[in-house]
PDB file of N, CA and C in Angstrom:
ATOM      1  N   UNK A   1       0.861  -1.175   0.000  1.00  0.00           N
ATOM      2  CA  UNK A   1       0.000   0.000   0.000  1.00  0.00           C
ATOM      3  C   UNK A   1       0.902   1.231   0.000  1.00  0.00           C
ATOM      4  N   UNK A   2       0.690   2.122  -0.947  1.00  0.00           N
ATOM      5  CA  UNK A   2       1.495   3.339  -1.031  1.00  0.00           C
ATOM      6  C   UNK A   2       1.061   4.382  -0.023  1.00  0.00           C
ATOM      7  N   UNK A   3       1.918   5.335   0.182  1.00  0.00           N
ATOM      8  CA  UNK A   3       1.559   6.401   1.123  1.00  0.00           C
ATOM      9  C   UNK A   3       0.849   7.523   0.371  1.00  0.00           C
ATOM     10  N   UNK A   4       0.140   8.331   1.094  1.00  0.00           N
ATOM     11  CA  UNK A   4      -0.589   9.449   0.517  1.00  0.00           C
ATOM     12  C   UNK A   4       0.402  10.469  -0.012  1.00  0.00           C
ATOM     13  N   UNK A   5       0.217  10.874  -1.257  1.00  0.00           N
ATOM     14  CA  UNK A   5       1.158  11.827  -1.843  1.00  0.00           C
ATOM     15  C   UNK A   5       1.018  13.188  -1.166  1.00  0.00           C
ATOM     16  N   UNK A   6       2.105  13.916  -1.006  1.00  0.00           N
ATOM     17  CA  UNK A   6       2.051  15.241  -0.386  1.00  0.00           C
ATOM     18  C   UNK A   6       1.114  16.192  -1.126  1.00  0.00           C
ATOM     19  N   UNK A   7       1.052  16.085  -2.462  1.00  0.00           N
ATOM     20  CA  UNK A   7       0.166  16.953  -3.238  1.00  0.00           C
ATOM     21  C   UNK A   7      -1.293  16.653  -2.931  1.00  0.00           C
ATOM     22  N   UNK A   8      -1.668  15.370  -2.872  1.00  0.00           N
ATOM     23  CA  UNK A   8      -3.039  14.999  -2.554  1.00  0.00           C
ATOM     24  C   UNK A   8      -3.394  15.421  -1.134  1.00  0.00           C
ATOM     25  N   UNK A   9      -2.482  15.255  -0.204  1.00  0.00           N
ATOM     26  CA  UNK A   9      -2.721  15.675   1.172  1.00  0.00           C
ATOM     27  C   UNK A   9      -2.932  17.182   1.248  1.00  0.00           C
ATOM     28  N   UNK A  10      -2.103  17.955   0.552  1.00  0.00           N
ATOM     29  CA  UNK A  10      -2.253  19.412   0.545  1.00  0.00           C
ATOM     30  C   UNK A  10      -3.595  19.806  -0.055  1.00  0.00           C
ATOM     31  N   UNK A  11      -4.004  19.136  -1.138  1.00  0.00           N
ATOM     32  CA  UNK A  11      -5.296  19.425  -1.756  1.00  0.00           C
ATOM     33  C   UNK A  11      -6.432  19.100  -0.794  1.00  0.00           C
ATOM     34  N   UNK A  12      -6.340  17.961  -0.117  1.00  0.00           N
ATOM     35  CA  UNK A  12      -7.379  17.571   0.835  1.00  0.00           C
ATOM     36  C   UNK A  12      -7.493  18.578   1.973  1.00  0.00           C
ATOM     37  N   UNK A  13      -6.364  19.024   2.486  1.00  0.00           N
ATOM     38  CA  UNK A  13      -6.393  20.009   3.570  1.00  0.00           C
ATOM     39  C   UNK A  13      -6.956  21.338   3.093  1.00  0.00           C
ATOM     40  N   UNK A  14      -6.579  21.746   1.894  1.00  0.00           N
ATOM     41  CA  UNK A  14      -7.096  22.994   1.333  1.00  0.00           C
ATOM     42  C   UNK A  14      -8.598  22.918   1.145  1.00  0.00           C
ATOM     43  N   UNK A  15      -9.084  21.823   0.594  1.00  0.00           N
ATOM     44  CA  UNK A  15     -10.514  21.668   0.368  1.00  0.00           C
ATOM     45  C   UNK A  15     -11.286  21.524   1.669  1.00  0.00           C
ATOM     46  N   UNK A  16     -10.670  20.936   2.688  1.00  0.00           N
ATOM     47  CA  UNK A  16     -11.385  20.720   3.943  1.00  0.00           C
ATOM     48  C   UNK A  16     -11.672  22.017   4.684  1.00  0.00           C
ATOM     49  N   UNK A  17     -10.908  23.059   4.422  1.00  0.00           N
ATOM     50  CA  UNK A  17     -11.157  24.323   5.107  1.00  0.00           C
ATOM     51  C   UNK A  17     -12.056  25.248   4.306  1.00  0.00           C
ATOM     52  N   UNK A  18     -12.378  24.850   3.081  1.00  0.00           N
ATOM     53  CA  UNK A  18     -13.259  25.694   2.278  1.00  0.00           C
ATOM     54  C   UNK A  18     -14.710  25.415   2.646  1.00  0.00           C
ATOM     55  N   UNK A  19     -15.548  26.423   2.513  1.00  0.00           N
ATOM     56  CA  UNK A  19     -16.956  26.303   2.875  1.00  0.00           C
ATOM     57  C   UNK A  19     -17.758  25.717   1.728  1.00  0.00           C
ATOM     58  N   UNK A  20     -18.737  24.883   2.076  1.00  0.00           N
ATOM     59  CA  UNK A  20     -19.635  24.360   1.057  1.00  0.00           C
ATOM     60  C   UNK A  20     -20.964  25.099   1.058  1.00  0.00           C
ATOM     61  N   UNK A  21     -21.111  26.141   1.850  1.00  0.00           N
ATOM     62  CA  UNK A  21     -22.270  27.015   1.778  1.00  0.00           C
ATOM     63  C   UNK A  21     -22.054  27.965   0.621  1.00  0.00           C
ATOM     64  N   UNK A  22     -22.523  27.572  -0.539  1.00  0.00           N
ATOM     65  CA  UNK A  22     -22.247  28.327  -1.750  1.00  0.00           C
ATOM     66  C   UNK A  22     -23.543  28.732  -2.424  1.00  0.00           C
ATOM     67  N   UNK A  23     -23.434  29.653  -3.330  1.00  0.00           N
ATOM     68  CA  UNK A  23     -24.574  30.080  -4.126  1.00  0.00           C
ATOM     69  C   UNK A  23     -24.206  29.949  -5.588  1.00  0.00           C
ATOM     70  N   UNK A  24     -25.147  30.268  -6.463  1.00  0.00           N
ATOM     71  CA  UNK A  24     -24.883  30.187  -7.901  1.00  0.00           C
ATOM     72  C   UNK A  24     -23.709  31.071  -8.286  1.00  0.00           C
ATOM     73  N   UNK A  25     -23.540  32.209  -7.598  1.00  0.00           N
ATOM     74  CA  UNK A  25     -22.432  33.107  -7.904  1.00  0.00           C
ATOM     75  C   UNK A  25     -21.082  32.472  -7.582  1.00  0.00           C
ATOM     76  N   UNK A  26     -21.078  31.501  -6.686  1.00  0.00           N
ATOM     77  CA  UNK A  26     -19.843  30.833  -6.289  1.00  0.00           C
ATOM     78  C   UNK A  26     -19.525  29.636  -7.181  1.00  0.00           C
ATOM     79  N   UNK A  27     -20.338  29.389  -8.207  1.00  0.00           N
ATOM     80  CA  UNK A  27     -20.079  28.289  -9.116  1.00  0.00           C
ATOM     81  C   UNK A  27     -20.768  26.995  -8.735  1.00  0.00           C
ATOM     82  N   UNK A  28     -22.007  27.069  -8.283  1.00  0.00           N
ATOM     83  CA  UNK A  28     -22.800  25.885  -7.968  1.00  0.00           C
ATOM     84  C   UNK A  28     -23.956  25.833  -8.964  1.00  0.00           C
ATOM     85  N   UNK A  29     -23.695  25.318 -10.143  1.00  0.00           N
ATOM     86  CA  UNK A  29     -24.666  25.346 -11.238  1.00  0.00           C
ATOM     87  C   UNK A  29     -25.971  24.630 -10.921  1.00  0.00           C
ATOM     88  N   UNK A  30     -25.928  23.553 -10.125  1.00  0.00           N
ATOM     89  CA  UNK A  30     -27.149  22.799  -9.851  1.00  0.00           C
ATOM     90  C   UNK A  30     -27.783  23.128  -8.498  1.00  0.00           C
ATOM     91  N   UNK A  31     -27.166  24.021  -7.721  1.00  0.00           N
ATOM     92  CA  UNK A  31     -27.757  24.483  -6.464  1.00  0.00           C
ATOM     93  C   UNK A  31     -27.817  23.436  -5.368  1.00  0.00           C
ATOM     94  N   UNK A  32     -26.918  22.451  -5.387  1.00  0.00           N
ATOM     95  CA  UNK A  32     -26.964  21.391  -4.385  1.00  0.00           C
ATOM     96  C   UNK A  32     -26.065  21.638  -3.176  1.00  0.00           C
ATOM     97  N   UNK A  33     -25.373  22.789  -3.161  1.00  0.00           N
ATOM     98  CA  UNK A  33     -24.514  23.111  -2.027  1.00  0.00           C
ATOM     99  C   UNK A  33     -23.053  22.746  -2.225  1.00  0.00           C
ATOM    100  N   UNK A  34     -22.735  22.064  -3.296  1.00  0.00           N
ATOM    101  CA  UNK A  34     -21.348  21.721  -3.638  1.00  0.00           C
ATOM    102  C   UNK A  34     -20.951  22.545  -4.849  1.00  0.00           C
ATOM    103  N   UNK A  35     -19.788  23.184  -4.801  1.00  0.00           N
ATOM    104  CA  UNK A  35     -19.341  23.963  -5.955  1.00  0.00           C
ATOM    105  C   UNK A  35     -19.085  23.027  -7.134  1.00  0.00           C
ATOM    106  N   UNK A  36     -19.184  23.591  -8.331  1.00  0.00           N
ATOM    107  CA  UNK A  36     -18.893  22.810  -9.536  1.00  0.00           C
ATOM    108  C   UNK A  36     -17.484  22.233  -9.457  1.00  0.00           C
ATOM    109  N   UNK A  37     -16.551  23.027  -8.964  1.00  0.00           N
ATOM    110  CA  UNK A  37     -15.164  22.576  -8.834  1.00  0.00           C
ATOM    111  C   UNK A  37     -15.068  21.345  -7.934  1.00  0.00           C
ATOM    112  N   UNK A  38     -15.733  21.395  -6.764  1.00  0.00           N
ATOM    113  CA  UNK A  38     -15.696  20.259  -5.843  1.00  0.00           C
ATOM    114  C   UNK A  38     -16.344  19.027  -6.476  1.00  0.00           C
ATOM    115  N   UNK A  39     -17.474  19.234  -7.164  1.00  0.00           N
ATOM    116  CA  UNK A  39     -18.142  18.094  -7.782  1.00  0.00           C
ATOM    117  C   UNK A  39     -17.274  17.456  -8.859  1.00  0.00           C
ATOM    118  N   UNK A  40     -16.645  18.274  -9.685  1.00  0.00           N
ATOM    119  CA  UNK A  40     -15.774  17.728 -10.725  1.00  0.00           C
ATOM    120  C   UNK A  40     -14.586  17.002 -10.095  1.00  0.00           C
ATOM    121  N   UNK A  41     -14.027  17.559  -9.031  1.00  0.00           N
ATOM    122  CA  UNK A  41     -12.894  16.929  -8.341  1.00  0.00           C
ATOM    123  C   UNK A  41     -13.296  15.608  -7.692  1.00  0.00           C
ATOM    124  N   UNK A  42     -14.554  15.519  -7.279  1.00  0.00           N
ATOM    125  CA  UNK A  42     -15.043  14.331  -6.583  1.00  0.00           C
ATOM    126  C   UNK A  42     -15.711  13.327  -7.521  1.00  0.00           C
ATOM    127  N   UNK A  43     -15.811  13.669  -8.807  1.00  0.00           N
ATOM    128  CA  UNK A  43     -16.356  12.742  -9.792  1.00  0.00           C
ATOM    129  C   UNK A  43     -17.865  12.719  -9.897  1.00  0.00           C
ATOM    130  N   UNK A  44     -18.536  13.798  -9.475  1.00  0.00           N
ATOM    131  CA  UNK A  44     -19.988  13.867  -9.627  1.00  0.00           C
ATOM    132  C   UNK A  44     -20.353  14.940 -10.646  1.00  0.00           C
ATOM    133  N   UNK A  45     -21.608  14.939 -11.065  1.00  0.00           N
ATOM    134  CA  UNK A  45     -22.085  15.828 -12.124  1.00  0.00           C
ATOM    135  C   UNK A  45     -22.486  17.184 -11.548  1.00  0.00           C
ATOM    136  N   UNK A  46     -21.772  18.259 -11.892  1.00  0.00           N
ATOM    137  CA  UNK A  46     -22.086  19.586 -11.359  1.00  0.00           C
ATOM    138  C   UNK A  46     -23.380  20.182 -11.913  1.00  0.00           C
ATOM    139  N   UNK A  47     -24.017  19.491 -12.851  1.00  0.00           N
ATOM    140  CA  UNK A  47     -25.276  19.979 -13.419  1.00  0.00           C
ATOM    141  C   UNK A  47     -26.477  19.156 -12.956  1.00  0.00           C
ATOM    142  N   UNK A  48     -26.265  18.187 -12.081  1.00  0.00           N
ATOM    143  CA  UNK A  48     -27.336  17.327 -11.586  1.00  0.00           C
ATOM    144  C   UNK A  48     -27.392  17.434 -10.064  1.00  0.00           C
ATOM    145  N   UNK A  49     -28.435  18.076  -9.533  1.00  0.00           N
ATOM    146  CA  UNK A  49     -28.528  18.323  -8.093  1.00  0.00           C
ATOM    147  C   UNK A  49     -28.665  17.036  -7.289  1.00  0.00           C
ATOM    148  N   UNK A  50     -29.064  15.932  -7.940  1.00  0.00           N
ATOM    149  CA  UNK A  50     -29.205  14.659  -7.231  1.00  0.00           C
ATOM    150  C   UNK A  50     -27.895  13.873  -7.178  1.00  0.00           C
ATOM    151  N   UNK A  51     -26.922  14.279  -7.973  1.00  0.00           N
ATOM    152  CA  UNK A  51     -25.626  13.604  -8.008  1.00  0.00           C
ATOM    153  C   UNK A  51     -24.642  14.419  -7.176  1.00  0.00           C
ATOM    154  N   UNK A  52     -24.533  14.060  -5.900  1.00  0.00           N
ATOM    155  CA  UNK A  52     -23.649  14.796  -4.991  1.00  0.00           C
ATOM    156  C   UNK A  52     -22.524  13.882  -4.509  1.00  0.00           C
ATOM    157  N   UNK A  53     -21.382  14.453  -4.184  1.00  0.00           N
ATOM    158  CA  UNK A  53     -20.265  13.641  -3.698  1.00  0.00           C
ATOM    159  C   UNK A  53     -20.600  12.937  -2.387  1.00  0.00           C
ATOM    160  N   UNK A  54     -20.096  11.719  -2.226  1.00  0.00           N
ATOM    161  CA  UNK A  54     -20.262  10.999  -0.964  1.00  0.00           C
ATOM    162  C   UNK A  54     -19.327  11.609   0.067  1.00  0.00           C
ATOM    163  N   UNK A  55     -19.874  11.909   1.235  1.00  0.00           N
ATOM    164  CA  UNK A  55     -19.107  12.490   2.335  1.00  0.00           C
ATOM    165  C   UNK A  55     -19.484  11.739   3.611  1.00  0.00           C
ATOM    166  N   UNK A  56     -18.893  10.581   3.808  1.00  0.00           N
ATOM    167  CA  UNK A  56     -19.249   9.667   4.892  1.00  0.00           C
ATOM    168  C   UNK A  56     -19.217  10.316   6.267  1.00  0.00           C
ATOM    169  N   UNK A  57     -18.228  11.160   6.520  1.00  0.00           N
ATOM    170  CA  UNK A  57     -18.080  11.749   7.852  1.00  0.00           C
ATOM    171  C   UNK A  57     -18.620  13.172   7.961  1.00  0.00           C
ATOM    172  N   UNK A  58     -19.309  13.643   6.934  1.00  0.00           N
ATOM    173  CA  UNK A  58     -19.893  15.001   6.919  1.00  0.00           C
ATOM    174  C   UNK A  58     -18.857  16.078   7.213  1.00  0.00           C
ATOM    175  N   UNK A  59     -17.658  15.882   6.693  1.00  0.00           N
ATOM    176  CA  UNK A  59     -16.578  16.843   6.924  1.00  0.00           C
ATOM    177  C   UNK A  59     -16.597  17.998   5.931  1.00  0.00           C
ATOM    178  N   UNK A  60     -17.428  17.878   4.891  1.00  0.00           N
ATOM    179  CA  UNK A  60     -17.433  18.889   3.845  1.00  0.00           C
ATOM    180  C   UNK A  60     -16.420  18.597   2.759  1.00  0.00           C
ATOM    181  N   UNK A  61     -15.782  17.444   2.843  1.00  0.00           N
ATOM    182  CA  UNK A  61     -14.802  17.004   1.854  1.00  0.00           C
ATOM    183  C   UNK A  61     -15.221  15.613   1.390  1.00  0.00           C
ATOM    184  N   UNK A  62     -15.373  15.437   0.083  1.00  0.00           N
ATOM    185  CA  UNK A  62     -15.843  14.144  -0.412  1.00  0.00           C
ATOM    186  C   UNK A  62     -14.853  13.036  -0.066  1.00  0.00           C
ATOM    187  N   UNK A  63     -15.382  11.826   0.066  1.00  0.00           N
ATOM    188  CA  UNK A  63     -14.555  10.682   0.439  1.00  0.00           C
ATOM    189  C   UNK A  63     -13.405  10.468  -0.537  1.00  0.00           C
ATOM    190  N   UNK A  64     -13.633  10.772  -1.808  1.00  0.00           N
ATOM    191  CA  UNK A  64     -12.599  10.595  -2.837  1.00  0.00           C
ATOM    192  C   UNK A  64     -11.336  11.398  -2.515  1.00  0.00           C
ATOM    193  N   UNK A  65     -11.491  12.553  -1.887  1.00  0.00           N
ATOM    194  CA  UNK A  65     -10.358  13.418  -1.567  1.00  0.00           C
ATOM    195  C   UNK A  65     -10.013  13.446  -0.080  1.00  0.00           C
ATOM    196  N   UNK A  66     -10.870  12.868   0.752  1.00  0.00           N
ATOM    197  CA  UNK A  66     -10.701  12.917   2.205  1.00  0.00           C
ATOM    198  C   UNK A  66      -9.726  11.840   2.669  1.00  0.00           C
ATOM    199  N   UNK A  67      -8.686  12.231   3.346  1.00  0.00           N
ATOM    200  CA  UNK A  67      -7.686  11.282   3.842  1.00  0.00           C
ATOM    201  C   UNK A  67      -8.200  10.478   5.035  1.00  0.00           C
ATOM    202  N   UNK A  68      -9.307  10.938   5.667  1.00  0.00           N
ATOM    203  CA  UNK A  68      -9.869  10.271   6.843  1.00  0.00           C
ATOM    204  C   UNK A  68     -11.390  10.231   6.687  1.00  0.00           C
ATOM    205  N   UNK A  69     -11.898   9.252   5.923  1.00  0.00           N
ATOM    206  CA  UNK A  69     -13.317   9.198   5.578  1.00  0.00           C
ATOM    207  C   UNK A  69     -14.256   9.111   6.773  1.00  0.00           C
ATOM    208  N   UNK A  70     -13.835   8.474   7.857  1.00  0.00           N
ATOM    209  CA  UNK A  70     -14.733   8.342   9.007  1.00  0.00           C
ATOM    210  C   UNK A  70     -14.459   9.374  10.101  1.00  0.00           C
ATOM    211  N   UNK A  71     -13.487  10.252   9.860  1.00  0.00           N
ATOM    212  CA  UNK A  71     -13.191  11.369  10.762  1.00  0.00           C
ATOM    213  C   UNK A  71     -12.850  10.916  12.185  1.00  0.00           C
ATOM    214  N   UNK A  72     -12.132   9.796  12.281  1.00  0.00           N
ATOM    215  CA  UNK A  72     -11.756   9.293  13.602  1.00  0.00           C
ATOM    216  C   UNK A  72     -10.342   9.695  14.013  1.00  0.00           C
ATOM    217  N   UNK A  73      -9.697  10.505  13.169  1.00  0.00           N
ATOM    218  CA  UNK A  73      -8.353  10.959  13.488  1.00  0.00           C
ATOM    219  C   UNK A  73      -7.250  10.086  12.907  1.00  0.00           C
ATOM    220  N   UNK A  74      -7.640   8.986  12.276  1.00  0.00           N
ATOM    221  CA  UNK A  74      -6.669   8.083  11.636  1.00  0.00           C
ATOM    222  C   UNK A  74      -6.887   8.128  10.134  1.00  0.00           C
ATOM    223  N   UNK A  75      -5.809   8.369   9.371  1.00  0.00           N
ATOM    224  CA  UNK A  75      -5.928   8.383   7.913  1.00  0.00           C
ATOM    225  C   UNK A  75      -6.317   6.996   7.425  1.00  0.00           C
ATOM    226  N   UNK A  76      -7.120   6.969   6.369  1.00  0.00           N
ATOM    227  CA  UNK A  76      -7.628   5.708   5.829  1.00  0.00           C
ATOM    228  C   UNK A  76      -6.515   4.718   5.506  1.00  0.00           C
ATOM    229  N   UNK A  77      -5.460   5.178   4.875  1.00  0.00           N
ATOM    230  CA  UNK A  77      -4.397   4.240   4.488  1.00  0.00           C
ATOM    231  C   UNK A  77      -3.690   3.652   5.711  1.00  0.00           C
ATOM    232  N   UNK A  78      -3.607   4.402   6.801  1.00  0.00           N
ATOM    233  CA  UNK A  78      -3.019   3.874   8.040  1.00  0.00           C
ATOM    234  C   UNK A  78      -3.949   2.816   8.632  1.00  0.00           C
ATOM    235  N   UNK A  79      -5.259   3.087   8.624  1.00  0.00           N
ATOM    236  CA  UNK A  79      -6.220   2.108   9.135  1.00  0.00           C
ATOM    237  C   UNK A  79      -6.155   0.813   8.331  1.00  0.00           C
ATOM    238  N   UNK A  80      -6.028   0.924   7.008  1.00  0.00           N
ATOM    239  CA  UNK A  80      -5.943  -0.273   6.172  1.00  0.00           C
ATOM    240  C   UNK A  80      -4.677  -1.066   6.481  1.00  0.00           C
ATOM    241  N   UNK A  81      -3.562  -0.384   6.665  1.00  0.00           N
ATOM    242  CA  UNK A  81      -2.302  -1.054   7.004  1.00  0.00           C
ATOM    243  C   UNK A  81      -2.436  -1.803   8.328  1.00  0.00           C
ATOM    244  N   UNK A  82      -3.165  -1.206   9.280  1.00  0.00           N
ATOM    245  CA  UNK A  82      -3.338  -1.805  10.607  1.00  0.00           C
ATOM    246  C   UNK A  82      -4.476  -2.825  10.650  1.00  0.00           C
ATOM    247  N   UNK A  83      -5.175  -3.004   9.529  1.00  0.00           N
ATOM    248  CA  UNK A  83      -6.266  -3.967   9.482  1.00  0.00           C
ATOM    249  C   UNK A  83      -7.572  -3.444  10.031  1.00  0.00           C
ATOM    250  N   UNK A  84      -7.696  -2.130  10.161  1.00  0.00           N
ATOM    251  CA  UNK A  84      -8.917  -1.504  10.666  1.00  0.00           C
ATOM    252  C   UNK A  84      -9.774  -1.031   9.496  1.00  0.00           C
ATOM    253  N   UNK A  85     -11.058  -0.840   9.742  1.00  0.00           N
ATOM    254  CA  UNK A  85     -11.983  -0.373   8.705  1.00  0.00           C
ATOM    255  C   UNK A  85     -11.935   1.151   8.621  1.00  0.00           C
ATOM    256  N   UNK A  86     -11.550   1.718   7.472  1.00  0.00           N
ATOM    257  CA  UNK A  86     -11.459   3.170   7.350  1.00  0.00           C
ATOM    258  C   UNK A  86     -12.810   3.866   7.254  1.00  0.00           C
ATOM    259  N   UNK A  87     -13.885   3.107   7.219  1.00  0.00           N
ATOM    260  CA  UNK A  87     -15.210   3.712   7.167  1.00  0.00           C
ATOM    261  C   UNK A  87     -15.957   3.428   8.439  1.00  0.00           C
TER     262      UNK A  87
END
């Protein structure tokens, strides 16, 4: 199992501090509360309000980019190495 790349970690931290309370002026074409940028980064359709990124721990960062999907303080890849469930 590889380690989390520094670039991905920096992106995850940057996205985790950004607000998801957005409006159409902020680039939320479908009005679902996720910016178009976040939806594209997370692999969902920014034009479909029913297609929203999965955010298991409600951190405001989609699981695809979140280093700690269950928000327990342990990064997912560390939990997997230790045989623990990252979700």
